[in-house]
PDB file of N, CA and C in Angstrom:
ATOM      1  N   MET A   1      31.965  -0.064  31.576  1.00  0.00           N
ATOM      2  CA  MET A   1      31.099  -0.979  30.477  1.00  0.00           C
ATOM      3  C   MET A   1      31.632  -1.201  29.230  1.00  0.00           C
ATOM      4  N   SER A   2      31.711  -2.497  28.925  1.00  0.00           N
ATOM      5  CA  SER A   2      32.270  -2.612  27.595  1.00  0.00           C
ATOM      6  C   SER A   2      31.391  -2.687  26.465  1.00  0.00           C
ATOM      7  N   THR A   3      31.876  -2.652  25.089  1.00  0.00           N
ATOM      8  CA  THR A   3      30.999  -2.518  24.067  1.00  0.00           C
ATOM      9  C   THR A   3      30.016  -3.567  23.695  1.00  0.00           C
ATOM     10  N   PHE A   4      30.422  -4.687  24.156  1.00  0.00           N
ATOM     11  CA  PHE A   4      29.530  -5.941  24.022  1.00  0.00           C
ATOM     12  C   PHE A   4      28.444  -5.740  25.044  1.00  0.00           C
ATOM     13  N   GLN A   5      28.441  -5.320  26.320  1.00  0.00           N
ATOM     14  CA  GLN A   5      27.325  -5.149  27.131  1.00  0.00           C
ATOM     15  C   GLN A   5      26.481  -3.942  26.604  1.00  0.00           C
ATOM     16  N   LEU A   6      26.968  -2.865  26.097  1.00  0.00           N
ATOM     17  CA  LEU A   6      26.209  -1.818  25.474  1.00  0.00           C
ATOM     18  C   LEU A   6      25.419  -2.447  24.283  1.00  0.00           C
ATOM     19  N   VAL A   7      26.089  -3.109  23.469  1.00  0.00           N
ATOM     20  CA  VAL A   7      25.255  -3.642  22.286  1.00  0.00           C
ATOM     21  C   VAL A   7      24.221  -4.654  22.788  1.00  0.00           C
ATOM     22  N   GLN A   8      24.674  -5.539  23.646  1.00  0.00           N
ATOM     23  CA  GLN A   8      23.541  -6.402  24.244  1.00  0.00           C
ATOM     24  C   GLN A   8      22.385  -5.779  24.858  1.00  0.00           C
ATOM     25  N   GLY A   9      22.703  -4.468  25.541  1.00  0.00           N
ATOM     26  CA  GLY A   9      21.494  -3.981  26.317  1.00  0.00           C
ATOM     27  C   GLY A   9      20.650  -3.313  25.191  1.00  0.00           C
ATOM     28  N   VAL A  10      21.178  -2.793  24.111  1.00  0.00           N
ATOM     29  CA  VAL A  10      20.362  -2.008  23.056  1.00  0.00           C
ATOM     30  C   VAL A  10      19.411  -3.087  22.547  1.00  0.00           C
ATOM     31  N   ILE A  11      20.191  -4.244  22.123  1.00  0.00           N
ATOM     32  CA  ILE A  11      19.466  -5.346  21.259  1.00  0.00           C
ATOM     33  C   ILE A  11      18.289  -5.990  22.435  1.00  0.00           C
ATOM     34  N   ILE A  12      18.443  -6.194  23.506  1.00  0.00           N
ATOM     35  CA  ILE A  12      17.447  -6.738  24.453  1.00  0.00           C
ATOM     36  C   ILE A  12      16.352  -5.604  24.599  1.00  0.00           C
ATOM     37  N   GLY A  13      16.587  -4.159  24.782  1.00  0.00           N
ATOM     38  CA  GLY A  13      15.845  -3.161  24.694  1.00  0.00           C
ATOM     39  C   GLY A  13      14.897  -3.130  23.762  1.00  0.00           C
ATOM     40  N   VAL A  14      15.459  -3.392  22.447  1.00  0.00           N
ATOM     41  CA  VAL A  14      14.632  -3.346  21.169  1.00  0.00           C
ATOM     42  C   VAL A  14      13.658  -4.443  21.073  1.00  0.00           C
ATOM     43  N   VAL A  15      14.339  -5.578  21.454  1.00  0.00           N
ATOM     44  CA  VAL A  15      13.285  -6.780  21.289  1.00  0.00           C
ATOM     45  C   VAL A  15      12.064  -6.924  22.458  1.00  0.00           C
ATOM     46  N   VAL A  16      12.262  -6.055  23.502  1.00  0.00           N
ATOM     47  CA  VAL A  16      11.466  -5.901  24.553  1.00  0.00           C
ATOM     48  C   VAL A  16      10.504  -4.883  24.014  1.00  0.00           C
ATOM     49  N   LEU A  17      10.732  -3.821  23.465  1.00  0.00           N
ATOM     50  CA  LEU A  17       9.951  -2.771  23.051  1.00  0.00           C
ATOM     51  C   LEU A  17       9.051  -3.362  21.659  1.00  0.00           C
ATOM     52  N   ALA A  18       9.651  -4.235  20.872  1.00  0.00           N
ATOM     53  CA  ALA A  18       8.894  -4.576  19.858  1.00  0.00           C
ATOM     54  C   ALA A  18       7.807  -5.727  20.400  1.00  0.00           C
ATOM     55  N   SER A  19       8.307  -6.594  21.479  1.00  0.00           N
ATOM     56  CA  SER A  19       7.201  -7.370  22.033  1.00  0.00           C
ATOM     57  C   SER A  19       6.083  -6.696  22.840  1.00  0.00           C
ATOM     58  N   LEU A  20       6.461  -5.661  23.501  1.00  0.00           N
ATOM     59  CA  LEU A  20       5.367  -4.804  23.924  1.00  0.00           C
ATOM     60  C   LEU A  20       4.310  -4.352  22.926  1.00  0.00           C
ATOM     61  N   TYR A  21       4.904  -3.785  21.974  1.00  0.00           N
ATOM     62  CA  TYR A  21       4.161  -3.288  20.587  1.00  0.00           C
ATOM     63  C   TYR A  21       3.063  -4.290  20.138  1.00  0.00           C
ATOM     64  N   VAL A  22       3.503  -5.418  19.939  1.00  0.00           N
ATOM     65  CA  VAL A  22       2.790  -6.570  19.582  1.00  0.00           C
ATOM     66  C   VAL A  22       1.721  -7.014  20.322  1.00  0.00           C
ATOM     67  N   ALA A  23       2.114  -7.053  21.524  1.00  0.00           N
ATOM     68  CA  ALA A  23       1.042  -7.391  22.602  1.00  0.00           C
ATOM     69  C   ALA A  23       0.020  -6.460  22.813  1.00  0.00           C
ATOM     70  N   PHE A  24       0.475  -4.912  22.809  1.00  0.00           N
ATOM     71  CA  PHE A  24      -0.488  -3.971  22.814  1.00  0.00           C
ATOM     72  C   PHE A  24      -1.520  -4.028  21.559  1.00  0.00           C
ATOM     73  N   ARG A  25      -1.113  -4.126  20.551  1.00  0.00           N
ATOM     74  CA  ARG A  25      -1.766  -4.280  19.257  1.00  0.00           C
ATOM     75  C   ARG A  25      -2.642  -5.390  19.217  1.00  0.00           C
ATOM     76  N   LYS A  26      -2.475  -6.636  19.817  1.00  0.00           N
ATOM     77  CA  LYS A  26      -3.200  -7.734  19.863  1.00  0.00           C
ATOM     78  C   LYS A  26      -4.187  -7.663  20.980  1.00  0.00           C
ATOM     79  N   LEU A  27      -3.641  -7.347  22.256  1.00  0.00           N
ATOM     80  CA  LEU A  27      -4.652  -7.241  23.361  1.00  0.00           C
ATOM     81  C   LEU A  27      -5.632  -6.164  23.409  1.00  0.00           C
ATOM     82  N   LEU A  28      -5.132  -4.883  22.869  1.00  0.00           N
ATOM     83  CA  LEU A  28      -6.069  -3.669  22.963  1.00  0.00           C
ATOM     84  C   LEU A  28      -6.078  -3.110  21.730  1.00  0.00           C
ATOM     85  N   PRO A  29      -6.982  -3.871  20.703  1.00  0.00           N
ATOM     86  CA  PRO A  29      -6.948  -3.237  19.506  1.00  0.00           C
ATOM     87  C   PRO A  29      -7.542  -1.685  19.239  1.00  0.00           C
ATOM     88  N   LYS A  30      -8.613  -1.559  19.886  1.00  0.00           N
ATOM     89  CA  LYS A  30      -9.196  -0.016  19.702  1.00  0.00           C
ATOM     90  C   LYS A  30      -8.462   0.753  20.415  1.00  0.00           C
ATOM     91  N   THR A  31      -7.898   0.591  21.522  1.00  0.00           N
ATOM     92  CA  THR A  31      -6.942   1.625  22.112  1.00  0.00           C
ATOM     93  C   THR A  31      -5.866   1.873  21.229  1.00  0.00           C
ATOM     94  N   SER A  32      -5.161   0.777  20.765  1.00  0.00           N
ATOM     95  CA  SER A  32      -3.981   1.094  20.097  1.00  0.00           C
ATOM     96  C   SER A  32      -4.387   1.813  19.018  1.00  0.00           C
ATOM     97  N   THR A  33      -5.362   1.672  18.268  1.00  0.00           N
ATOM     98  CA  THR A  33      -5.923   2.265  17.230  1.00  0.00           C
ATOM     99  C   THR A  33      -6.154   3.829  17.175  1.00  0.00           C
ATOM    100  N   ARG A  34      -6.627   4.203  18.564  1.00  0.00           N
ATOM    101  CA  ARG A  34      -6.632   5.534  19.100  1.00  0.00           C
ATOM    102  C   ARG A  34      -5.399   6.326  19.190  1.00  0.00           C
ATOM    103  N   VAL A  35      -4.583   5.486  19.891  1.00  0.00           N
ATOM    104  CA  VAL A  35      -3.375   6.046  20.182  1.00  0.00           C
ATOM    105  C   VAL A  35      -2.398   6.274  18.972  1.00  0.00           C
ATOM    106  N   LEU A  36      -2.334   5.153  18.024  1.00  0.00           N
ATOM    107  CA  LEU A  36      -1.764   5.481  16.790  1.00  0.00           C
ATOM    108  C   LEU A  36      -2.271   6.691  16.018  1.00  0.00           C
ATOM    109  N   ALA A  37      -3.661   6.661  15.933  1.00  0.00           N
ATOM    110  CA  ALA A  37      -4.181   7.845  15.564  1.00  0.00           C
ATOM    111  C   ALA A  37      -3.795   9.145  15.829  1.00  0.00           C
ATOM    112  N   GLY A  38      -3.714   9.385  17.378  1.00  0.00           N
ATOM    113  CA  GLY A  38      -3.129  10.467  17.848  1.00  0.00           C
ATOM    114  C   GLY A  38      -1.739  10.896  17.465  1.00  0.00           C
ATOM    115  N   VAL A  39      -0.980   9.882  17.646  1.00  0.00           N
ATOM    116  CA  VAL A  39       0.565   9.971  17.281  1.00  0.00           C
ATOM    117  C   VAL A  39       0.545  10.553  15.851  1.00  0.00           C
ATOM    118  N   SER A  40      -0.071   9.880  15.023  1.00  0.00           N
ATOM    119  CA  SER A  40      -0.058  10.354  13.408  1.00  0.00           C
ATOM    120  C   SER A  40      -0.645  11.571  13.340  1.00  0.00           C
ATOM    121  N   ALA A  41      -1.628  12.075  13.971  1.00  0.00           N
ATOM    122  CA  ALA A  41      -2.069  13.414  13.760  1.00  0.00           C
ATOM    123  C   ALA A  41      -1.041  14.367  14.285  1.00  0.00           C
ATOM    124  N   SER A  42      -0.446  14.084  15.451  1.00  0.00           N
ATOM    125  CA  SER A  42       0.558  14.904  16.129  1.00  0.00           C
ATOM    126  C   SER A  42       1.647  15.078  15.098  1.00  0.00           C
ATOM    127  N   LEU A  43       2.271  13.936  14.272  1.00  0.00           N
ATOM    128  CA  LEU A  43       3.303  14.218  13.745  1.00  0.00           C
ATOM    129  C   LEU A  43       2.986  14.635  12.230  1.00  0.00           C
ATOM    130  N   ASN A  44       1.912  14.595  11.832  1.00  0.00           N
ATOM    131  CA  ASN A  44       1.457  14.932  10.441  1.00  0.00           C
ATOM    132  C   ASN A  44       0.813  16.297  10.406  1.00  0.00           C
ATOM    133  N   HIS A  45       1.631  17.397  10.874  1.00  0.00           N
ATOM    134  CA  HIS A  45       1.205  18.859  11.066  1.00  0.00           C
ATOM    135  C   HIS A  45       1.878  19.613   9.647  1.00  0.00           C
ATOM    136  N   GLU A  46       1.426  20.738   9.306  1.00  0.00           N
ATOM    137  CA  GLU A  46       2.201  21.562   8.394  1.00  0.00           C
ATOM    138  C   GLU A  46       3.088  22.148   9.209  1.00  0.00           C
ATOM    139  N   GLY A  47       4.377  22.240   8.466  1.00  0.00           N
ATOM    140  CA  GLY A  47       5.350  22.877   9.116  1.00  0.00           C
ATOM    141  C   GLY A  47       6.530  21.723   9.575  1.00  0.00           C
ATOM    142  N   ARG A  48       6.109  20.672   9.779  1.00  0.00           N
ATOM    143  CA  ARG A  48       7.083  19.588   9.910  1.00  0.00           C
ATOM    144  C   ARG A  48       7.883  19.126   8.835  1.00  0.00           C
ATOM    145  N   SER A  49       8.920  18.553   9.054  1.00  0.00           N
ATOM    146  CA  SER A  49       9.741  17.986   7.811  1.00  0.00           C
ATOM    147  C   SER A  49       9.090  16.884   7.239  1.00  0.00           C
ATOM    148  N   GLY A  50       9.500  16.505   5.964  1.00  0.00           N
ATOM    149  CA  GLY A  50       9.133  15.630   5.237  1.00  0.00           C
ATOM    150  C   GLY A  50       9.266  14.151   5.912  1.00  0.00           C
ATOM    151  N   VAL A  51      10.440  14.001   6.548  1.00  0.00           N
ATOM    152  CA  VAL A  51      10.721  12.709   7.312  1.00  0.00           C
ATOM    153  C   VAL A  51       9.490  12.520   8.313  1.00  0.00           C
ATOM    154  N   ILE A  52       9.409  13.515   9.110  1.00  0.00           N
ATOM    155  CA  ILE A  52       8.574  13.395  10.214  1.00  0.00           C
ATOM    156  C   ILE A  52       6.903  13.011   9.608  1.00  0.00           C
ATOM    157  N   ARG A  53       6.652  13.811   8.666  1.00  0.00           N
ATOM    158  CA  ARG A  53       5.217  13.636   8.191  1.00  0.00           C
ATOM    159  C   ARG A  53       5.118  12.405   7.605  1.00  0.00           C
ATOM    160  N   ALA A  54       6.222  11.645   6.905  1.00  0.00           N
ATOM    161  CA  ALA A  54       6.335  10.416   6.157  1.00  0.00           C
ATOM    162  C   ALA A  54       6.016   9.383   7.370  1.00  0.00           C
ATOM    163  N   ILE A  55       6.768   9.702   8.444  1.00  0.00           N
ATOM    164  CA  ILE A  55       6.411   8.788   9.725  1.00  0.00           C
ATOM    165  C   ILE A  55       5.275   8.566  10.167  1.00  0.00           C
ATOM    166  N   GLY A  56       4.518   9.955  10.229  1.00  0.00           N
ATOM    167  CA  GLY A  56       3.305  10.034  10.657  1.00  0.00           C
ATOM    168  C   GLY A  56       2.207   9.429   9.666  1.00  0.00           C
ATOM    169  N   LYS A  57       2.279   9.375   8.264  1.00  0.00           N
ATOM    170  CA  LYS A  57       1.611   8.688   7.334  1.00  0.00           C
ATOM    171  C   LYS A  57       1.537   7.174   7.587  1.00  0.00           C
ATOM    172  N   LYS A  58       3.058   6.913   7.853  1.00  0.00           N
ATOM    173  CA  LYS A  58       3.308   5.441   8.078  1.00  0.00           C
ATOM    174  C   LYS A  58       2.378   4.842   9.249  1.00  0.00           C
ATOM    175  N   VAL A  59       2.633   5.504  10.213  1.00  0.00           N
ATOM    176  CA  VAL A  59       1.936   5.390  11.652  1.00  0.00           C
ATOM    177  C   VAL A  59       0.366   5.086  11.775  1.00  0.00           C
ATOM    178  N   GLN A  60      -0.170   6.086  10.865  1.00  0.00           N
ATOM    179  CA  GLN A  60      -1.687   6.034  10.761  1.00  0.00           C
ATOM    180  C   GLN A  60      -2.424   4.845  10.503  1.00  0.00           C
ATOM    181  N   PRO A  61      -3.144   4.572  11.431  1.00  0.00           N
ATOM    182  CA  PRO A  61      -3.854   3.154  11.130  1.00  0.00           C
ATOM    183  C   PRO A  61      -4.945   3.016   9.953  1.00  0.00           C
ATOM    184  N   ALA A  62      -5.089   1.925   9.548  1.00  0.00           N
ATOM    185  CA  ALA A  62      -6.022   1.563   8.482  1.00  0.00           C
ATOM    186  C   ALA A  62      -7.273   1.890   8.925  1.00  0.00           C
ATOM    187  N   SER A  63      -8.185   2.659   8.036  1.00  0.00           N
ATOM    188  CA  SER A  63      -9.540   2.710   8.505  1.00  0.00           C
ATOM    189  C   SER A  63     -10.518   1.993   7.490  1.00  0.00           C
ATOM    190  N   ALA A  64     -11.725   1.978   7.817  1.00  0.00           N
ATOM    191  CA  ALA A  64     -12.615   1.183   7.295  1.00  0.00           C
ATOM    192  C   ALA A  64     -12.874   1.838   5.605  1.00  0.00           C
ATOM    193  N   THR A  65     -13.435   1.159   4.743  1.00  0.00           N
ATOM    194  CA  THR A  65     -13.718   1.862   3.582  1.00  0.00           C
ATOM    195  C   THR A  65     -14.865   2.649   3.615  1.00  0.00           C
ATOM    196  N   GLY A  66     -15.967   2.579   4.394  1.00  0.00           N
ATOM    197  CA  GLY A  66     -17.101   3.178   4.567  1.00  0.00           C
ATOM    198  C   GLY A  66     -18.237   2.617   3.823  1.00  0.00           C
ATOM    199  N   SER A  67     -17.892   1.405   3.026  1.00  0.00           N
ATOM    200  CA  SER A  67     -19.047   0.939   2.266  1.00  0.00           C
ATOM    201  C   SER A  67     -19.746  -0.023   2.896  1.00  0.00           C
ATOM    202  N   CYS A  68     -21.111  -0.225   2.893  1.00  0.00           N
ATOM    203  CA  CYS A  68     -21.827  -1.197   3.614  1.00  0.00           C
ATOM    204  C   CYS A  68     -21.639  -2.678   3.217  1.00  0.00           C
ATOM    205  N   GLY A  69     -20.692  -2.874   2.260  1.00  0.00           N
ATOM    206  CA  GLY A  69     -20.575  -4.236   1.946  1.00  0.00           C
ATOM    207  C   GLY A  69     -19.238  -4.962   2.612  1.00  0.00           C
ATOM    208  N   ASP A  70     -18.488  -3.988   3.195  1.00  0.00           N
ATOM    209  CA  ASP A  70     -17.142  -4.569   3.841  1.00  0.00           C
ATOM    210  C   ASP A  70     -17.439  -5.157   5.123  1.00  0.00           C
ATOM    211  N   GLY A  71     -18.657  -5.101   5.762  1.00  0.00           N
ATOM    212  CA  GLY A  71     -18.868  -5.669   7.102  1.00  0.00           C
ATOM    213  C   GLY A  71     -18.113  -5.269   8.285  1.00  0.00           C
ATOM    214  N   CYS A  72     -17.610  -4.077   8.257  1.00  0.00           N
ATOM    215  CA  CYS A  72     -16.658  -3.595   9.093  1.00  0.00           C
ATOM    216  C   CYS A  72     -17.355  -3.153  10.628  1.00  0.00           C
ATOM    217  N   GLY A  73     -18.850  -2.925  10.286  1.00  0.00           N
ATOM    218  CA  GLY A  73     -19.614  -2.756  11.727  1.00  0.00           C
ATOM    219  C   GLY A  73     -19.119  -1.324  12.150  1.00  0.00           C
ATOM    220  N   SER A  74     -18.260  -0.405  11.441  1.00  0.00           N
ATOM    221  CA  SER A  74     -18.017   0.704  12.345  1.00  0.00           C
ATOM    222  C   SER A  74     -18.937   1.790  12.391  1.00  0.00           C
ATOM    223  N   CYS A  75     -19.769   1.879  11.374  1.00  0.00           N
ATOM    224  CA  CYS A  75     -21.005   2.730  11.551  1.00  0.00           C
ATOM    225  C   CYS A  75     -22.125   2.344  12.417  1.00  0.00           C
ATOM    226  N   GLY A  76     -22.316   1.073  12.552  1.00  0.00           N
ATOM    227  CA  GLY A  76     -23.360   0.436  13.422  1.00  0.00           C
ATOM    228  C   GLY A  76     -24.508   0.235  12.509  1.00  0.00           C
ATOM    229  N   THR A  77     -24.681   0.126  11.245  1.00  0.00           N
ATOM    230  CA  THR A  77     -25.696   0.246  10.344  1.00  0.00           C
ATOM    231  C   THR A  77     -25.545  -1.137   9.484  1.00  0.00           C
ATOM    232  N   CYS A  78     -24.332  -1.648   9.333  1.00  0.00           N
ATOM    233  CA  CYS A  78     -24.088  -2.729   8.559  1.00  0.00           C
ATOM    234  C   CYS A  78     -24.748  -4.029   9.132  1.00  0.00           C
ATOM    235  N   GLY A  79     -24.722  -4.160  10.377  1.00  0.00           N
ATOM    236  CA  GLY A  79     -24.945  -5.442  11.022  1.00  0.00           C
ATOM    237  C   GLY A  79     -23.665  -6.260  11.091  1.00  0.00           C
ATOM    238  N   PRO A  80     -24.048  -7.482  11.534  1.00  0.00           N
ATOM    239  CA  PRO A  80     -22.988  -8.567  11.670  1.00  0.00           C
ATOM    240  C   PRO A  80     -22.492  -8.985  10.234  1.00  0.00           C
ATOM    241  N   ALA A  81     -21.135  -9.442  10.181  1.00  0.00           N
ATOM    242  CA  ALA A  81     -21.162 -10.224   8.861  1.00  0.00           C
ATOM    243  C   ALA A  81     -21.601 -11.366   8.830  1.00  0.00           C
ATOM    244  N   PRO A  82     -22.096 -11.837   7.638  1.00  0.00           N
ATOM    245  CA  PRO A  82     -22.791 -12.982   7.374  1.00  0.00           C
ATOM    246  C   PRO A  82     -22.042 -14.192   7.967  1.00  0.00           C
ATOM    247  N   VAL A  83     -22.925 -15.086   8.477  1.00  0.00           N
ATOM    248  CA  VAL A  83     -22.244 -16.372   8.834  1.00  0.00           C
ATOM    249  C   VAL A  83     -22.282 -17.381   7.884  1.00  0.00           C
ATOM    250  N   ALA A  84     -21.223 -17.971   7.690  1.00  0.00           N
ATOM    251  CA  ALA A  84     -20.902 -18.987   6.753  1.00  0.00           C
ATOM    252  C   ALA A  84     -21.551 -20.286   7.190  1.00  0.00           C
ATOM    253  N   HIS A  85     -22.433 -20.875   6.369  1.00  0.00           N
ATOM    254  CA  HIS A  85     -23.035 -22.036   6.617  1.00  0.00           C
ATOM    255  C   HIS A  85     -22.191 -23.234   6.343  1.00  0.00           C
ATOM    256  N   ASN A  86     -22.103 -24.288   7.230  1.00  0.00           N
ATOM    257  CA  ASN A  86     -21.450 -25.365   6.904  1.00  0.00           C
ATOM    258  C   ASN A  86     -22.397 -26.343   6.107  1.00  0.00           C
ATOM    259  N   ASP A  87     -22.093 -27.253   5.286  1.00  0.00           N
ATOM    260  CA  ASP A  87     -22.647 -28.215   4.874  1.00  0.00           C
ATOM    261  C   ASP A  87     -22.308 -29.434   5.491  1.00  0.00           C
ATOM    262  N   ALA A  88     -22.973 -29.590   6.839  1.00  0.00           N
ATOM    263  CA  ALA A  88     -22.676 -30.788   7.622  1.00  0.00           C
ATOM    264  C   ALA A  88     -23.481 -31.828   7.184  1.00  0.00           C
ATOM    265  N   GLN A  89     -22.492 -32.960   7.469  1.00  0.00           N
ATOM    266  CA  GLN A  89     -23.506 -34.266   7.426  1.00  0.00           C
ATOM    267  C   GLN A  89     -23.595 -35.000   8.413  1.00  0.00           C
ATOM    268  N   PRO A  90     -24.952 -35.830   8.582  1.00  0.00           N
ATOM    269  CA  PRO A  90     -24.986 -36.390   9.999  1.00  0.00           C
ATOM    270  C   PRO A  90     -24.066 -37.648  10.126  1.00  0.00           C
ATOM    271  N   LEU A  91     -23.821 -38.195  11.196  1.00  0.00           N
ATOM    272  CA  LEU A  91     -22.851 -39.076  11.541  1.00  0.00           C
ATOM    273  C   LEU A  91     -23.731 -40.291  11.182  1.00  0.00           C
ATOM    274  N   THR A  92     -23.118 -41.408  10.705  1.00  0.00           N
ATOM    275  CA  THR A  92     -23.918 -42.830  10.524  1.00  0.00           C
ATOM    276  C   THR A  92     -22.972 -43.826  10.992  1.00  0.00           C
ATOM    277  N   PHE A  93     -23.765 -44.681  11.767  1.00  0.00           N
ATOM    278  CA  PHE A  93     -23.029 -45.539  12.578  1.00  0.00           C
ATOM    279  C   PHE A  93     -22.998 -46.979  12.000  1.00  0.00           C
ATOM    280  N   LYS A  94     -22.138 -47.942  11.798  1.00  0.00           N
ATOM    281  CA  LYS A  94     -22.315 -49.147  11.193  1.00  0.00           C
ATOM    282  C   LYS A  94     -22.065 -50.122  12.360  1.00  0.00           C
ATOM    283  N   THR A  95     -22.909 -51.190  12.229  1.00  0.00           N
ATOM    284  CA  THR A  95     -22.638 -52.134  13.250  1.00  0.00           C
ATOM    285  C   THR A  95     -21.544 -53.300  12.600  1.00  0.00           C
ATOM    286  N   ARG A  96     -20.805 -53.891  13.904  1.00  0.00           N
ATOM    287  CA  ARG A  96     -19.810 -54.649  13.458  1.00  0.00           C
ATOM    288  C   ARG A  96     -20.345 -55.989  13.224  1.00  0.00           C
ATOM    289  N   ARG A  97     -19.826 -56.726  12.257  1.00  0.00           N
ATOM    290  CA  ARG A  97     -20.287 -58.071  11.718  1.00  0.00           C
ATOM    291  C   ARG A  97     -19.342 -59.154  12.371  1.00  0.00           C
TER     292      ARG A  97
END
């Protein structure tokens, strides 16, 4: 196996893993949040090195602020986000002359 083939295999592997990660986050957002929270909790323990703890904090998913004004719907009491109203204008048809 040549060096070129080894480097090519590593680059293709990194690209495939990155695309799987993006697809996982876009197609399964709740599952990916749970998985990332579990990974973050396992990495961010007392007794771990500072680098591992920093990775655990970096991987931790963003959480809702908890205020009722953010419209996250995580607690189930905020209700749906307000719907933006369009200022729709009716169509007017003009006859040809």
